[in-house]
Amino acid sequence: MESDKYGAEVRRDEESASKLKINSVPYFVFNNKYAISGAQQPELFLEILEKVRKEELSLPVEKFTVEE
């Protein structure tokens, strides 16, 4: 590559992958909790996404007000 425009971002991704012991692609990580490795059926992705959605919806929501 002639440019290192995205070099720092790529190195951060490589470091994250190393910490998660990722050594193959494709590899998908959802909410730093669930992972799918390799080519998988769409149903597995849907199952994980639904699980993440339910977990996110069950989190408490902070109330805030906008002051003028």
PDB file of N, CA and C in Angstrom:
ATOM      1  N   MET A   1       0.839  -1.170   0.000  1.00  0.00           N
ATOM      2  CA  MET A   1       0.000   0.000   0.000  1.00  0.00           C
ATOM      3  C   MET A   1       0.888   1.239   0.000  1.00  0.00           C
ATOM      4  N   GLU A   2       0.491   2.193  -0.757  1.00  0.00           N
ATOM      5  CA  GLU A   2       1.262   3.425  -0.842  1.00  0.00           C
ATOM      6  C   GLU A   2       1.010   4.348   0.340  1.00  0.00           C
ATOM      7  N   SER A   3      -0.138   4.236   0.952  1.00  0.00           N
ATOM      8  CA  SER A   3      -0.511   5.139   2.037  1.00  0.00           C
ATOM      9  C   SER A   3      -0.758   4.342   3.314  1.00  0.00           C
ATOM     10  N   ASP A   4      -0.513   4.979   4.440  1.00  0.00           N
ATOM     11  CA  ASP A   4      -0.804   4.364   5.732  1.00  0.00           C
ATOM     12  C   ASP A   4      -2.048   5.010   6.343  1.00  0.00           C
ATOM     13  N   LYS A   5      -2.919   5.486   5.460  1.00  0.00           N
ATOM     14  CA  LYS A   5      -4.108   6.224   5.891  1.00  0.00           C
ATOM     15  C   LYS A   5      -4.927   5.458   6.930  1.00  0.00           C
ATOM     16  N   TYR A   6      -5.085   4.168   6.739  1.00  0.00           N
ATOM     17  CA  TYR A   6      -5.899   3.364   7.650  1.00  0.00           C
ATOM     18  C   TYR A   6      -5.052   2.433   8.510  1.00  0.00           C
ATOM     19  N   GLY A   7      -3.757   2.627   8.500  1.00  0.00           N
ATOM     20  CA  GLY A   7      -2.840   1.745   9.219  1.00  0.00           C
ATOM     21  C   GLY A   7      -3.137   1.626  10.698  1.00  0.00           C
ATOM     22  N   ALA A   8      -3.356   2.742  11.376  1.00  0.00           N
ATOM     23  CA  ALA A   8      -3.616   2.714  12.814  1.00  0.00           C
ATOM     24  C   ALA A   8      -4.904   1.963  13.121  1.00  0.00           C
ATOM     25  N   GLU A   9      -5.914   2.177  12.300  1.00  0.00           N
ATOM     26  CA  GLU A   9      -7.191   1.483  12.502  1.00  0.00           C
ATOM     27  C   GLU A   9      -7.032  -0.021  12.297  1.00  0.00           C
ATOM     28  N   VAL A  10      -6.286  -0.405  11.280  1.00  0.00           N
ATOM     29  CA  VAL A  10      -6.043  -1.827  11.010  1.00  0.00           C
ATOM     30  C   VAL A  10      -5.274  -2.449  12.169  1.00  0.00           C
ATOM     31  N   ARG A  11      -4.268  -1.765  12.679  1.00  0.00           N
ATOM     32  CA  ARG A  11      -3.494  -2.308  13.798  1.00  0.00           C
ATOM     33  C   ARG A  11      -4.356  -2.461  15.049  1.00  0.00           C
ATOM     34  N   ARG A  12      -5.275  -1.512  15.293  1.00  0.00           N
ATOM     35  CA  ARG A  12      -6.203  -1.651  16.433  1.00  0.00           C
ATOM     36  C   ARG A  12      -7.092  -2.879  16.252  1.00  0.00           C
ATOM     37  N   ASP A  13      -7.590  -3.075  15.038  1.00  0.00           N
ATOM     38  CA  ASP A  13      -8.420  -4.255  14.759  1.00  0.00           C
ATOM     39  C   ASP A  13      -7.623  -5.535  14.955  1.00  0.00           C
ATOM     40  N   GLU A  14      -6.376  -5.536  14.506  1.00  0.00           N
ATOM     41  CA  GLU A  14      -5.522  -6.719  14.674  1.00  0.00           C
ATOM     42  C   GLU A  14      -5.271  -7.000  16.152  1.00  0.00           C
ATOM     43  N   GLU A  15      -5.059  -5.954  16.931  1.00  0.00           N
ATOM     44  CA  GLU A  15      -4.840  -6.121  18.365  1.00  0.00           C
ATOM     45  C   GLU A  15      -6.092  -6.681  19.042  1.00  0.00           C
ATOM     46  N   SER A  16      -7.246  -6.150  18.670  1.00  0.00           N
ATOM     47  CA  SER A  16      -8.509  -6.659  19.226  1.00  0.00           C
ATOM     48  C   SER A  16      -8.703  -8.124  18.870  1.00  0.00           C
ATOM     49  N   ALA A  17      -8.438  -8.475  17.638  1.00  0.00           N
ATOM     50  CA  ALA A  17      -8.581  -9.864  17.191  1.00  0.00           C
ATOM     51  C   ALA A  17      -7.637 -10.773  17.958  1.00  0.00           C
ATOM     52  N   SER A  18      -6.434 -10.320  18.184  1.00  0.00           N
ATOM     53  CA  SER A  18      -5.459 -11.116  18.925  1.00  0.00           C
ATOM     54  C   SER A  18      -5.927 -11.358  20.356  1.00  0.00           C
ATOM     55  N   LYS A  19      -6.453 -10.323  21.002  1.00  0.00           N
ATOM     56  CA  LYS A  19      -6.948 -10.461  22.376  1.00  0.00           C
ATOM     57  C   LYS A  19      -8.104 -11.446  22.458  1.00  0.00           C
ATOM     58  N   LEU A  20      -8.920 -11.488  21.409  1.00  0.00           N
ATOM     59  CA  LEU A  20     -10.064 -12.405  21.380  1.00  0.00           C
ATOM     60  C   LEU A  20      -9.699 -13.782  20.830  1.00  0.00           C
ATOM     61  N   LYS A  21      -8.422 -13.965  20.508  1.00  0.00           N
ATOM     62  CA  LYS A  21      -7.912 -15.232  19.956  1.00  0.00           C
ATOM     63  C   LYS A  21      -8.561 -15.566  18.612  1.00  0.00           C
ATOM     64  N   ILE A  22      -8.851 -14.545  17.825  1.00  0.00           N
ATOM     65  CA  ILE A  22      -9.417 -14.734  16.495  1.00  0.00           C
ATOM     66  C   ILE A  22      -8.276 -15.026  15.541  1.00  0.00           C
ATOM     67  N   ASN A  23      -8.392 -16.147  14.825  1.00  0.00           N
ATOM     68  CA  ASN A  23      -7.322 -16.505  13.894  1.00  0.00           C
ATOM     69  C   ASN A  23      -7.852 -16.921  12.526  1.00  0.00           C
ATOM     70  N   SER A  24      -9.087 -16.588  12.252  1.00  0.00           N
ATOM     71  CA  SER A  24      -9.651 -16.914  10.941  1.00  0.00           C
ATOM     72  C   SER A  24     -10.723 -15.883  10.588  1.00  0.00           C
ATOM     73  N   VAL A  25     -11.055 -15.857   9.321  1.00  0.00           N
ATOM     74  CA  VAL A  25     -12.118 -14.971   8.853  1.00  0.00           C
ATOM     75  C   VAL A  25     -13.074 -15.774   8.001  1.00  0.00           C
ATOM     76  N   PRO A  26     -14.325 -15.437   7.917  1.00  0.00           N
ATOM     77  CA  PRO A  26     -14.952 -14.327   8.631  1.00  0.00           C
ATOM     78  C   PRO A  26     -15.164 -14.658  10.104  1.00  0.00           C
ATOM     79  N   TYR A  27     -15.213 -13.624  10.918  1.00  0.00           N
ATOM     80  CA  TYR A  27     -15.432 -13.757  12.354  1.00  0.00           C
ATOM     81  C   TYR A  27     -16.222 -12.534  12.793  1.00  0.00           C
ATOM     82  N   PHE A  28     -17.355 -12.745  13.373  1.00  0.00           N
ATOM     83  CA  PHE A  28     -18.253 -11.657  13.758  1.00  0.00           C
ATOM     84  C   PHE A  28     -18.410 -11.647  15.274  1.00  0.00           C
ATOM     85  N   VAL A  29     -18.275 -10.480  15.879  1.00  0.00           N
ATOM     86  CA  VAL A  29     -18.428 -10.331  17.323  1.00  0.00           C
ATOM     87  C   VAL A  29     -19.579  -9.359  17.572  1.00  0.00           C
ATOM     88  N   PHE A  30     -20.487  -9.764  18.442  1.00  0.00           N
ATOM     89  CA  PHE A  30     -21.660  -8.954  18.768  1.00  0.00           C
ATOM     90  C   PHE A  30     -21.608  -8.560  20.239  1.00  0.00           C
ATOM     91  N   ASN A  31     -21.591  -7.258  20.499  1.00  0.00           N
ATOM     92  CA  ASN A  31     -21.580  -6.720  21.868  1.00  0.00           C
ATOM     93  C   ASN A  31     -20.442  -7.271  22.724  1.00  0.00           C
ATOM     94  N   ASN A  32     -19.361  -7.637  22.102  1.00  0.00           N
ATOM     95  CA  ASN A  32     -18.209  -8.210  22.819  1.00  0.00           C
ATOM     96  C   ASN A  32     -18.610  -9.398  23.692  1.00  0.00           C
ATOM     97  N   LYS A  33     -19.681 -10.081  23.315  1.00  0.00           N
ATOM     98  CA  LYS A  33     -20.193 -11.187  24.126  1.00  0.00           C
ATOM     99  C   LYS A  33     -20.427 -12.455  23.305  1.00  0.00           C
ATOM    100  N   TYR A  34     -20.922 -12.295  22.099  1.00  0.00           N
ATOM    101  CA  TYR A  34     -21.235 -13.433  21.239  1.00  0.00           C
ATOM    102  C   TYR A  34     -20.364 -13.375  19.991  1.00  0.00           C
ATOM    103  N   ALA A  35     -19.986 -14.545  19.502  1.00  0.00           N
ATOM    104  CA  ALA A  35     -19.145 -14.584  18.302  1.00  0.00           C
ATOM    105  C   ALA A  35     -19.612 -15.689  17.369  1.00  0.00           C
ATOM    106  N   ILE A  36     -19.460 -15.420  16.088  1.00  0.00           N
ATOM    107  CA  ILE A  36     -19.755 -16.402  15.046  1.00  0.00           C
ATOM    108  C   ILE A  36     -18.512 -16.505  14.179  1.00  0.00           C
ATOM    109  N   SER A  37     -18.030 -17.721  14.022  1.00  0.00           N
ATOM    110  CA  SER A  37     -16.821 -17.948  13.234  1.00  0.00           C
ATOM    111  C   SER A  37     -17.162 -18.721  11.971  1.00  0.00           C
ATOM    112  N   GLY A  38     -16.564 -18.295  10.879  1.00  0.00           N
ATOM    113  CA  GLY A  38     -16.757 -19.009   9.620  1.00  0.00           C
ATOM    114  C   GLY A  38     -18.085 -18.690   8.964  1.00  0.00           C
ATOM    115  N   ALA A  39     -18.302 -19.336   7.849  1.00  0.00           N
ATOM    116  CA  ALA A  39     -19.554 -19.155   7.103  1.00  0.00           C
ATOM    117  C   ALA A  39     -20.661 -19.919   7.827  1.00  0.00           C
ATOM    118  N   GLN A  40     -21.704 -19.216   8.204  1.00  0.00           N
ATOM    119  CA  GLN A  40     -22.806 -19.821   8.944  1.00  0.00           C
ATOM    120  C   GLN A  40     -24.131 -19.484   8.274  1.00  0.00           C
ATOM    121  N   GLN A  41     -25.140 -20.211   8.656  1.00  0.00           N
ATOM    122  CA  GLN A  41     -26.479 -19.992   8.127  1.00  0.00           C
ATOM    123  C   GLN A  41     -27.049 -18.675   8.662  1.00  0.00           C
ATOM    124  N   PRO A  42     -27.876 -18.005   7.879  1.00  0.00           N
ATOM    125  CA  PRO A  42     -28.484 -16.742   8.325  1.00  0.00           C
ATOM    126  C   PRO A  42     -29.280 -16.892   9.620  1.00  0.00           C
ATOM    127  N   GLU A  43     -29.846 -18.057   9.853  1.00  0.00           N
ATOM    128  CA  GLU A  43     -30.642 -18.280  11.061  1.00  0.00           C
ATOM    129  C   GLU A  43     -29.798 -18.098  12.326  1.00  0.00           C
ATOM    130  N   LEU A  44     -28.531 -18.475  12.273  1.00  0.00           N
ATOM    131  CA  LEU A  44     -27.661 -18.306  13.433  1.00  0.00           C
ATOM    132  C   LEU A  44     -27.432 -16.822  13.713  1.00  0.00           C
ATOM    133  N   PHE A  45     -27.224 -16.043  12.658  1.00  0.00           N
ATOM    134  CA  PHE A  45     -27.063 -14.602  12.834  1.00  0.00           C
ATOM    135  C   PHE A  45     -28.327 -13.996  13.435  1.00  0.00           C
ATOM    136  N   LEU A  46     -29.472 -14.404  12.937  1.00  0.00           N
ATOM    137  CA  LEU A  46     -30.742 -13.899  13.447  1.00  0.00           C
ATOM    138  C   LEU A  46     -30.909 -14.248  14.923  1.00  0.00           C
ATOM    139  N   GLU A  47     -30.575 -15.466  15.294  1.00  0.00           N
ATOM    140  CA  GLU A  47     -30.677 -15.900  16.687  1.00  0.00           C
ATOM    141  C   GLU A  47     -29.810 -15.019  17.598  1.00  0.00           C
ATOM    142  N   ILE A  48     -28.579 -14.788  17.200  1.00  0.00           N
ATOM    143  CA  ILE A  48     -27.673 -13.967  18.006  1.00  0.00           C
ATOM    144  C   ILE A  48     -28.170 -12.523  18.070  1.00  0.00           C
ATOM    145  N   LEU A  49     -28.577 -11.982  16.928  1.00  0.00           N
ATOM    146  CA  LEU A  49     -29.060 -10.601  16.913  1.00  0.00           C
ATOM    147  C   LEU A  49     -30.304 -10.428  17.775  1.00  0.00           C
ATOM    148  N   GLU A  50     -31.195 -11.401  17.770  1.00  0.00           N
ATOM    149  CA  GLU A  50     -32.390 -11.329  18.615  1.00  0.00           C
ATOM    150  C   GLU A  50     -32.009 -11.393  20.090  1.00  0.00           C
ATOM    151  N   LYS A  51     -31.037 -12.222  20.418  1.00  0.00           N
ATOM    152  CA  LYS A  51     -30.571 -12.338  21.795  1.00  0.00           C
ATOM    153  C   LYS A  51     -29.970 -11.007  22.269  1.00  0.00           C
ATOM    154  N   VAL A  52     -29.141 -10.407  21.438  1.00  0.00           N
ATOM    155  CA  VAL A  52     -28.525  -9.120  21.775  1.00  0.00           C
ATOM    156  C   VAL A  52     -29.599  -8.048  21.925  1.00  0.00           C
ATOM    157  N   ARG A  53     -30.573  -8.049  21.030  1.00  0.00           N
ATOM    158  CA  ARG A  53     -31.656  -7.062  21.091  1.00  0.00           C
ATOM    159  C   ARG A  53     -32.429  -7.178  22.398  1.00  0.00           C
ATOM    160  N   LYS A  54     -32.777  -8.400  22.800  1.00  0.00           N
ATOM    161  CA  LYS A  54     -33.512  -8.600  24.048  1.00  0.00           C
ATOM    162  C   LYS A  54     -32.700  -8.107  25.239  1.00  0.00           C
ATOM    163  N   GLU A  55     -31.412  -8.406  25.226  1.00  0.00           N
ATOM    164  CA  GLU A  55     -30.552  -7.955  26.320  1.00  0.00           C
ATOM    165  C   GLU A  55     -30.486  -6.429  26.369  1.00  0.00           C
ATOM    166  N   GLU A  56     -30.356  -5.809  25.219  1.00  0.00           N
ATOM    167  CA  GLU A  56     -30.274  -4.349  25.162  1.00  0.00           C
ATOM    168  C   GLU A  56     -31.581  -3.704  25.611  1.00  0.00           C
ATOM    169  N   LEU A  57     -32.703  -4.287  25.227  1.00  0.00           N
ATOM    170  CA  LEU A  57     -33.999  -3.732  25.618  1.00  0.00           C
ATOM    171  C   LEU A  57     -34.262  -3.876  27.112  1.00  0.00           C
ATOM    172  N   SER A  58     -33.622  -4.838  27.757  1.00  0.00           N
ATOM    173  CA  SER A  58     -33.839  -5.051  29.187  1.00  0.00           C
ATOM    174  C   SER A  58     -32.955  -4.156  30.055  1.00  0.00           C
ATOM    175  N   LEU A  59     -32.029  -3.427  29.441  1.00  0.00           N
ATOM    176  CA  LEU A  59     -31.165  -2.532  30.207  1.00  0.00           C
ATOM    177  C   LEU A  59     -31.952  -1.318  30.680  1.00  0.00           C
ATOM    178  N   PRO A  60     -31.619  -0.813  31.875  1.00  0.00           N
ATOM    179  CA  PRO A  60     -32.304   0.394  32.343  1.00  0.00           C
ATOM    180  C   PRO A  60     -31.949   1.589  31.458  1.00  0.00           C
ATOM    181  N   VAL A  61     -32.917   2.442  31.284  1.00  0.00           N
ATOM    182  CA  VAL A  61     -32.726   3.629  30.452  1.00  0.00           C
ATOM    183  C   VAL A  61     -32.609   4.837  31.368  1.00  0.00           C
ATOM    184  N   GLU A  62     -31.557   5.617  31.168  1.00  0.00           N
ATOM    185  CA  GLU A  62     -31.390   6.829  31.964  1.00  0.00           C
ATOM    186  C   GLU A  62     -32.320   7.914  31.448  1.00  0.00           C
ATOM    187  N   LYS A  63     -33.008   8.549  32.372  1.00  0.00           N
ATOM    188  CA  LYS A  63     -33.869   9.662  31.989  1.00  0.00           C
ATOM    189  C   LYS A  63     -33.044  10.938  32.018  1.00  0.00           C
ATOM    190  N   PHE A  64     -33.350  11.825  31.118  1.00  0.00           N
ATOM    191  CA  PHE A  64     -32.652  13.098  31.098  1.00  0.00           C
ATOM    192  C   PHE A  64     -33.611  14.185  30.656  1.00  0.00           C
ATOM    193  N   THR A  65     -33.268  15.397  30.992  1.00  0.00           N
ATOM    194  CA  THR A  65     -34.070  16.535  30.568  1.00  0.00           C
ATOM    195  C   THR A  65     -33.183  17.499  29.799  1.00  0.00           C
ATOM    196  N   VAL A  66     -33.798  18.189  28.907  1.00  0.00           N
ATOM    197  CA  VAL A  66     -33.085  19.186  28.119  1.00  0.00           C
ATOM    198  C   VAL A  66     -33.387  20.546  28.720  1.00  0.00           C
ATOM    199  N   GLU A  67     -32.336  21.229  29.131  1.00  0.00           N
ATOM    200  CA  GLU A  67     -32.514  22.563  29.702  1.00  0.00           C
ATOM    201  C   GLU A  67     -32.198  23.598  28.647  1.00  0.00           C
ATOM    202  N   GLU A  68     -33.022  24.630  28.638  1.00  0.00           N
ATOM    203  CA  GLU A  68     -32.802  25.701  27.658  1.00  0.00           C
ATOM    204  C   GLU A  68     -32.009  26.824  28.258  1.00  0.00           C
TER     205      GLU A  68
END
